[in-house]
Structures are given as structure tokens and as C-alpha cells.
Amino acid sequence: MDPRRAGSAIVGAIGGRLTEKGAGLELTATQVGLTGCAYILGARAGALFFGRLADTTGRKKLFMLTLGIFLAGSVLTAFSMTFVWFIVCRVITAWAWAASTGPSTRRWTS
């Protein structure tokens, strides 16, 4: 799967489950859409930020750091009790996920 589409695939896979009665937050269809939008925006912002940072600090070190951020964001998402906190946690998760697929700002010449 193309890593740029993984976020939308995840939201699509769990979107139906999030709207069911008794499924935790019981989100509306609009809230599920906003969740997907927030994830994608967080991923794009993270890719731009971490791509530049990876060029200066090194991808291996940064990957280990963002792996911890991703794990923390995922755990916090699982325990979110309000829609706003759910969105914040999803943005943190997307932001960290984007570090592994972030573009490099270096321009290679031959």
C-alpha cells in the first residue's frame, strides 16, 4: 500500500465501527470525516517538519524518537474520552507517522 494513503485507509477501515452505538465515543459521520481530515493534515504537517529535521539529525535517530511519539499517541487515542481529545491524539499519531515517510529537503545532484 502506498504510505501516503495509509491514513485514509485506516480511517475508512474503522470509520463504520466508530459510529456504532456502544462503540466508545459513538461519533457521528461528520465527526468521523473530521477525524480523517485531521489525520491527513497532521501527517502532511509532520512530513514537512520531520523531513527537514531528519536531514540535520539523521533518519535513524529521528525514527526511534517518532516511534515513541507514535506509540504514545496511539495509546492516548485508545483511552480518549472526548471527541476533541480523540482528534488531538490522532493528529499526534499522524504527525509522528509522517516522520517515516517525510520528504527530504536535500537536493541531490550528480
N, C-alpha and C. Protein backbone atom coordinates (compact mmCIF):
# COMPACT_ATOMS: atom_id res chain seq x y z
N MET A 1 0.85 -1.18 0.00
CA MET A 1 0.00 0.00 0.00
C MET A 1 0.89 1.24 0.00
N ASP A 2 0.49 2.21 -0.74
CA ASP A 2 1.19 3.48 -0.79
C ASP A 2 1.11 4.13 0.59
N PRO A 3 2.26 4.45 1.22
CA PRO A 3 2.22 5.00 2.58
C PRO A 3 1.47 6.32 2.68
N ARG A 4 1.36 7.07 1.60
CA ARG A 4 0.63 8.33 1.64
C ARG A 4 -0.87 8.11 1.76
N ARG A 5 -1.34 6.92 1.45
CA ARG A 5 -2.77 6.62 1.51
C ARG A 5 -3.14 5.78 2.73
N ALA A 6 -2.16 5.41 3.52
CA ALA A 6 -2.43 4.54 4.66
C ALA A 6 -3.35 5.20 5.68
N GLY A 7 -3.17 6.49 5.90
CA GLY A 7 -4.02 7.19 6.87
C GLY A 7 -5.48 7.16 6.50
N SER A 8 -5.77 7.42 5.23
CA SER A 8 -7.17 7.40 4.80
C SER A 8 -7.71 5.98 4.78
N ALA A 9 -6.87 4.99 4.53
CA ALA A 9 -7.33 3.61 4.56
C ALA A 9 -7.68 3.19 5.98
N ILE A 10 -6.89 3.64 6.94
CA ILE A 10 -7.17 3.30 8.33
C ILE A 10 -8.48 3.92 8.77
N VAL A 11 -8.67 5.20 8.43
CA VAL A 11 -9.92 5.87 8.79
C VAL A 11 -11.10 5.18 8.11
N GLY A 12 -10.93 4.80 6.86
CA GLY A 12 -12.00 4.10 6.16
C GLY A 12 -12.31 2.75 6.77
N ALA A 13 -11.28 2.08 7.26
CA ALA A 13 -11.47 0.75 7.84
C ALA A 13 -12.19 0.82 9.18
N ILE A 14 -11.93 1.84 9.97
CA ILE A 14 -12.54 1.91 11.29
C ILE A 14 -13.70 2.90 11.35
N GLY A 15 -13.94 3.63 10.29
CA GLY A 15 -14.99 4.65 10.29
C GLY A 15 -16.36 4.12 10.61
N GLY A 16 -16.71 2.98 10.06
CA GLY A 16 -18.02 2.39 10.33
C GLY A 16 -18.15 1.94 11.77
N ARG A 17 -17.08 1.46 12.31
CA ARG A 17 -17.11 0.99 13.70
C ARG A 17 -17.25 2.14 14.68
N LEU A 18 -16.69 3.30 14.37
CA LEU A 18 -16.72 4.45 15.27
C LEU A 18 -18.13 5.02 15.45
N THR A 19 -19.01 4.78 14.49
CA THR A 19 -20.36 5.35 14.56
C THR A 19 -21.37 4.42 15.23
N GLU A 20 -20.99 3.20 15.55
CA GLU A 20 -21.92 2.24 16.15
C GLU A 20 -22.25 2.62 17.59
N LYS A 21 -23.47 2.32 18.00
CA LYS A 21 -23.88 2.51 19.39
C LYS A 21 -23.07 1.57 20.28
N GLY A 22 -22.61 2.08 21.40
CA GLY A 22 -21.85 1.27 22.33
C GLY A 22 -20.40 1.07 21.92
N ALA A 23 -19.93 1.78 20.90
CA ALA A 23 -18.55 1.62 20.42
C ALA A 23 -17.64 2.71 20.97
N GLY A 24 -17.84 3.09 22.21
CA GLY A 24 -16.96 4.08 22.81
C GLY A 24 -17.47 5.50 22.64
N LEU A 25 -16.89 6.23 21.73
CA LEU A 25 -17.25 7.64 21.56
C LEU A 25 -18.56 7.86 20.82
N GLU A 26 -19.02 6.87 20.08
CA GLU A 26 -20.26 6.98 19.29
C GLU A 26 -20.25 8.24 18.44
N LEU A 27 -19.26 8.34 17.57
CA LEU A 27 -19.09 9.51 16.72
C LEU A 27 -20.15 9.56 15.63
N THR A 28 -20.47 10.76 15.19
CA THR A 28 -21.35 10.93 14.04
C THR A 28 -20.52 10.76 12.77
N ALA A 29 -21.20 10.67 11.65
CA ALA A 29 -20.49 10.54 10.37
C ALA A 29 -19.63 11.78 10.11
N THR A 30 -20.11 12.94 10.49
CA THR A 30 -19.34 14.18 10.32
C THR A 30 -18.07 14.14 11.17
N GLN A 31 -18.18 13.66 12.38
CA GLN A 31 -17.01 13.58 13.25
C GLN A 31 -15.99 12.58 12.73
N VAL A 32 -16.44 11.50 12.15
CA VAL A 32 -15.53 10.53 11.54
C VAL A 32 -14.79 11.19 10.38
N GLY A 33 -15.51 11.96 9.58
CA GLY A 33 -14.88 12.69 8.48
C GLY A 33 -13.86 13.70 8.97
N LEU A 34 -14.20 14.41 10.04
CA LEU A 34 -13.26 15.37 10.63
C LEU A 34 -12.02 14.66 11.19
N THR A 35 -12.22 13.47 11.72
CA THR A 35 -11.09 12.69 12.22
C THR A 35 -10.13 12.35 11.09
N GLY A 36 -10.67 11.91 9.97
CA GLY A 36 -9.84 11.61 8.80
C GLY A 36 -9.12 12.83 8.28
N CYS A 37 -9.83 13.95 8.23
CA CYS A 37 -9.23 15.20 7.77
C CYS A 37 -8.10 15.64 8.69
N ALA A 38 -8.33 15.56 9.99
CA ALA A 38 -7.30 15.94 10.96
C ALA A 38 -6.08 15.04 10.84
N TYR A 39 -6.30 13.74 10.61
CA TYR A 39 -5.18 12.81 10.46
C TYR A 39 -4.34 13.16 9.24
N ILE A 40 -4.99 13.44 8.15
CA ILE A 40 -4.27 13.76 6.92
C ILE A 40 -3.52 15.08 7.06
N LEU A 41 -4.15 16.09 7.65
CA LEU A 41 -3.48 17.37 7.86
C LEU A 41 -2.29 17.21 8.81
N GLY A 42 -2.46 16.42 9.86
CA GLY A 42 -1.36 16.16 10.78
C GLY A 42 -0.20 15.43 10.10
N ALA A 43 -0.53 14.49 9.24
CA ALA A 43 0.51 13.76 8.52
C ALA A 43 1.28 14.67 7.57
N ARG A 44 0.58 15.54 6.89
CA ARG A 44 1.25 16.46 5.96
C ARG A 44 2.15 17.44 6.70
N ALA A 45 1.66 17.98 7.81
CA ALA A 45 2.47 18.90 8.61
C ALA A 45 3.68 18.18 9.19
N GLY A 46 3.48 16.97 9.66
CA GLY A 46 4.59 16.19 10.21
C GLY A 46 5.63 15.84 9.16
N ALA A 47 5.18 15.53 7.95
CA ALA A 47 6.12 15.20 6.88
C ALA A 47 7.01 16.39 6.55
N LEU A 48 6.43 17.56 6.51
CA LEU A 48 7.23 18.75 6.20
C LEU A 48 8.22 19.06 7.33
N PHE A 49 7.76 18.98 8.57
CA PHE A 49 8.62 19.28 9.70
C PHE A 49 9.72 18.24 9.87
N PHE A 50 9.34 16.96 9.91
CA PHE A 50 10.31 15.91 10.17
C PHE A 50 11.23 15.65 8.98
N GLY A 51 10.80 15.93 7.78
CA GLY A 51 11.68 15.78 6.62
C GLY A 51 12.90 16.68 6.74
N ARG A 52 12.66 17.91 7.12
CA ARG A 52 13.77 18.86 7.30
C ARG A 52 14.62 18.47 8.51
N LEU A 53 13.97 18.08 9.59
CA LEU A 53 14.69 17.70 10.80
C LEU A 53 15.53 16.45 10.58
N ALA A 54 15.03 15.52 9.81
CA ALA A 54 15.76 14.27 9.54
C ALA A 54 17.04 14.54 8.76
N ASP A 55 17.02 15.56 7.92
CA ASP A 55 18.22 15.90 7.16
C ASP A 55 19.33 16.42 8.06
N THR A 56 18.98 17.02 9.17
CA THR A 56 20.00 17.58 10.06
C THR A 56 20.40 16.62 11.17
N THR A 57 19.48 15.82 11.69
CA THR A 57 19.80 14.94 12.81
C THR A 57 20.05 13.49 12.40
N GLY A 58 19.60 13.09 11.26
CA GLY A 58 19.74 11.71 10.83
C GLY A 58 18.42 10.96 10.96
N ARG A 59 18.09 10.18 9.98
CA ARG A 59 16.80 9.49 9.94
C ARG A 59 16.67 8.40 10.98
N LYS A 60 17.76 7.70 11.28
CA LYS A 60 17.67 6.60 12.23
C LYS A 60 17.33 7.11 13.64
N LYS A 61 18.00 8.15 14.09
CA LYS A 61 17.71 8.73 15.42
C LYS A 61 16.29 9.28 15.46
N LEU A 62 15.93 9.99 14.42
CA LEU A 62 14.61 10.59 14.39
C LEU A 62 13.51 9.52 14.33
N PHE A 63 13.77 8.44 13.61
CA PHE A 63 12.79 7.37 13.51
C PHE A 63 12.51 6.77 14.89
N MET A 64 13.54 6.56 15.67
CA MET A 64 13.35 5.98 17.01
C MET A 64 12.56 6.95 17.90
N LEU A 65 12.83 8.23 17.80
CA LEU A 65 12.09 9.23 18.57
C LEU A 65 10.62 9.24 18.17
N THR A 66 10.37 9.30 16.89
CA THR A 66 8.98 9.38 16.43
C THR A 66 8.23 8.06 16.62
N LEU A 67 8.95 6.96 16.70
CA LEU A 67 8.30 5.69 17.02
C LEU A 67 7.71 5.75 18.43
N GLY A 68 8.45 6.36 19.36
CA GLY A 68 7.94 6.55 20.71
C GLY A 68 6.75 7.50 20.74
N ILE A 69 6.81 8.58 19.95
CA ILE A 69 5.70 9.53 19.88
C ILE A 69 4.48 8.85 19.29
N PHE A 70 4.68 8.04 18.25
CA PHE A 70 3.58 7.32 17.62
C PHE A 70 2.92 6.36 18.61
N LEU A 71 3.74 5.64 19.37
CA LEU A 71 3.21 4.71 20.35
C LEU A 71 2.40 5.44 21.42
N ALA A 72 2.94 6.54 21.92
CA ALA A 72 2.23 7.32 22.93
C ALA A 72 0.92 7.88 22.38
N GLY A 73 0.95 8.39 21.16
CA GLY A 73 -0.27 8.91 20.54
C GLY A 73 -1.32 7.84 20.35
N SER A 74 -0.88 6.65 19.98
CA SER A 74 -1.82 5.55 19.77
C SER A 74 -2.46 5.10 21.08
N VAL A 75 -1.66 5.02 22.13
CA VAL A 75 -2.20 4.62 23.44
C VAL A 75 -3.17 5.69 23.94
N LEU A 76 -2.79 6.97 23.80
CA LEU A 76 -3.68 8.05 24.23
C LEU A 76 -4.98 8.05 23.43
N THR A 77 -4.89 7.72 22.14
CA THR A 77 -6.09 7.63 21.31
C THR A 77 -7.03 6.55 21.84
N ALA A 78 -6.46 5.43 22.22
CA ALA A 78 -7.28 4.32 22.72
C ALA A 78 -8.04 4.69 23.99
N PHE A 79 -7.48 5.59 24.78
CA PHE A 79 -8.11 5.95 26.04
C PHE A 79 -8.79 7.32 26.01
N SER A 80 -8.96 7.89 24.84
CA SER A 80 -9.61 9.21 24.75
C SER A 80 -11.09 9.09 25.10
N MET A 81 -11.57 10.07 25.84
CA MET A 81 -12.95 10.04 26.30
C MET A 81 -13.83 11.11 25.65
N THR A 82 -13.21 12.08 24.99
CA THR A 82 -13.98 13.12 24.31
C THR A 82 -13.54 13.20 22.85
N PHE A 83 -14.39 13.76 22.03
CA PHE A 83 -14.07 13.89 20.61
C PHE A 83 -12.86 14.78 20.39
N VAL A 84 -12.77 15.88 21.11
CA VAL A 84 -11.64 16.81 20.93
C VAL A 84 -10.33 16.12 21.30
N TRP A 85 -10.31 15.40 22.41
CA TRP A 85 -9.10 14.69 22.79
C TRP A 85 -8.77 13.59 21.77
N PHE A 86 -9.77 12.94 21.23
CA PHE A 86 -9.57 11.94 20.19
C PHE A 86 -8.88 12.55 18.96
N ILE A 87 -9.34 13.73 18.56
CA ILE A 87 -8.74 14.43 17.41
C ILE A 87 -7.29 14.80 17.71
N VAL A 88 -7.05 15.36 18.88
CA VAL A 88 -5.68 15.75 19.26
C VAL A 88 -4.75 14.55 19.22
N CYS A 89 -5.18 13.44 19.76
CA CYS A 89 -4.36 12.23 19.78
C CYS A 89 -4.12 11.69 18.38
N ARG A 90 -5.13 11.74 17.53
CA ARG A 90 -4.96 11.28 16.15
C ARG A 90 -3.97 12.16 15.38
N VAL A 91 -4.00 13.47 15.64
CA VAL A 91 -3.05 14.38 14.99
C VAL A 91 -1.63 14.08 15.46
N ILE A 92 -1.44 13.82 16.75
CA ILE A 92 -0.12 13.45 17.27
C ILE A 92 0.36 12.17 16.61
N THR A 93 -0.52 11.19 16.49
CA THR A 93 -0.16 9.93 15.86
C THR A 93 0.21 10.13 14.39
N ALA A 94 -0.58 10.92 13.68
CA ALA A 94 -0.30 11.17 12.26
C ALA A 94 0.99 11.95 12.09
N TRP A 95 1.21 12.90 12.97
CA TRP A 95 2.41 13.73 12.91
C TRP A 95 3.66 12.85 13.04
N ALA A 96 3.64 11.92 13.98
CA ALA A 96 4.76 11.02 14.18
C ALA A 96 4.87 10.00 13.05
N TRP A 97 3.74 9.50 12.57
CA TRP A 97 3.76 8.52 11.47
C TRP A 97 4.41 9.12 10.23
N ALA A 98 4.17 10.39 10.00
CA ALA A 98 4.69 11.04 8.80
C ALA A 98 6.20 11.13 8.80
N ALA A 99 6.83 11.03 9.95
CA ALA A 99 8.29 11.12 10.01
C ALA A 99 8.94 9.98 9.22
N SER A 100 8.30 8.83 9.19
CA SER A 100 8.88 7.71 8.45
C SER A 100 8.70 7.85 6.95
N THR A 101 7.82 8.72 6.53
CA THR A 101 7.59 8.91 5.09
C THR A 101 7.86 10.33 4.66
N GLY A 102 8.43 11.14 5.55
CA GLY A 102 8.65 12.56 5.26
C GLY A 102 9.63 12.78 4.12
N PRO A 103 9.40 13.80 3.33
CA PRO A 103 10.29 14.09 2.20
C PRO A 103 11.60 14.71 2.68
N SER A 104 12.65 14.42 1.99
CA SER A 104 13.93 15.04 2.28
C SER A 104 13.96 16.43 1.64
N THR A 105 14.63 17.35 2.30
CA THR A 105 14.77 18.69 1.72
C THR A 105 16.09 18.82 0.97
N ARG A 106 16.90 17.77 1.02
CA ARG A 106 18.17 17.81 0.29
C ARG A 106 17.90 17.66 -1.20
N ARG A 107 18.68 18.34 -1.97
CA ARG A 107 18.61 18.22 -3.42
C ARG A 107 19.88 17.54 -3.90
N TRP A 108 19.73 16.34 -4.39
CA TRP A 108 20.87 15.55 -4.83
C TRP A 108 21.20 15.92 -6.27
N THR A 109 22.45 16.09 -6.53
CA THR A 109 22.92 16.37 -7.90
C THR A 109 23.95 15.34 -8.28
N SER A 110 24.05 15.08 -9.54
CA SER A 110 25.03 14.09 -9.98
C SER A 110 26.24 14.76 -10.57
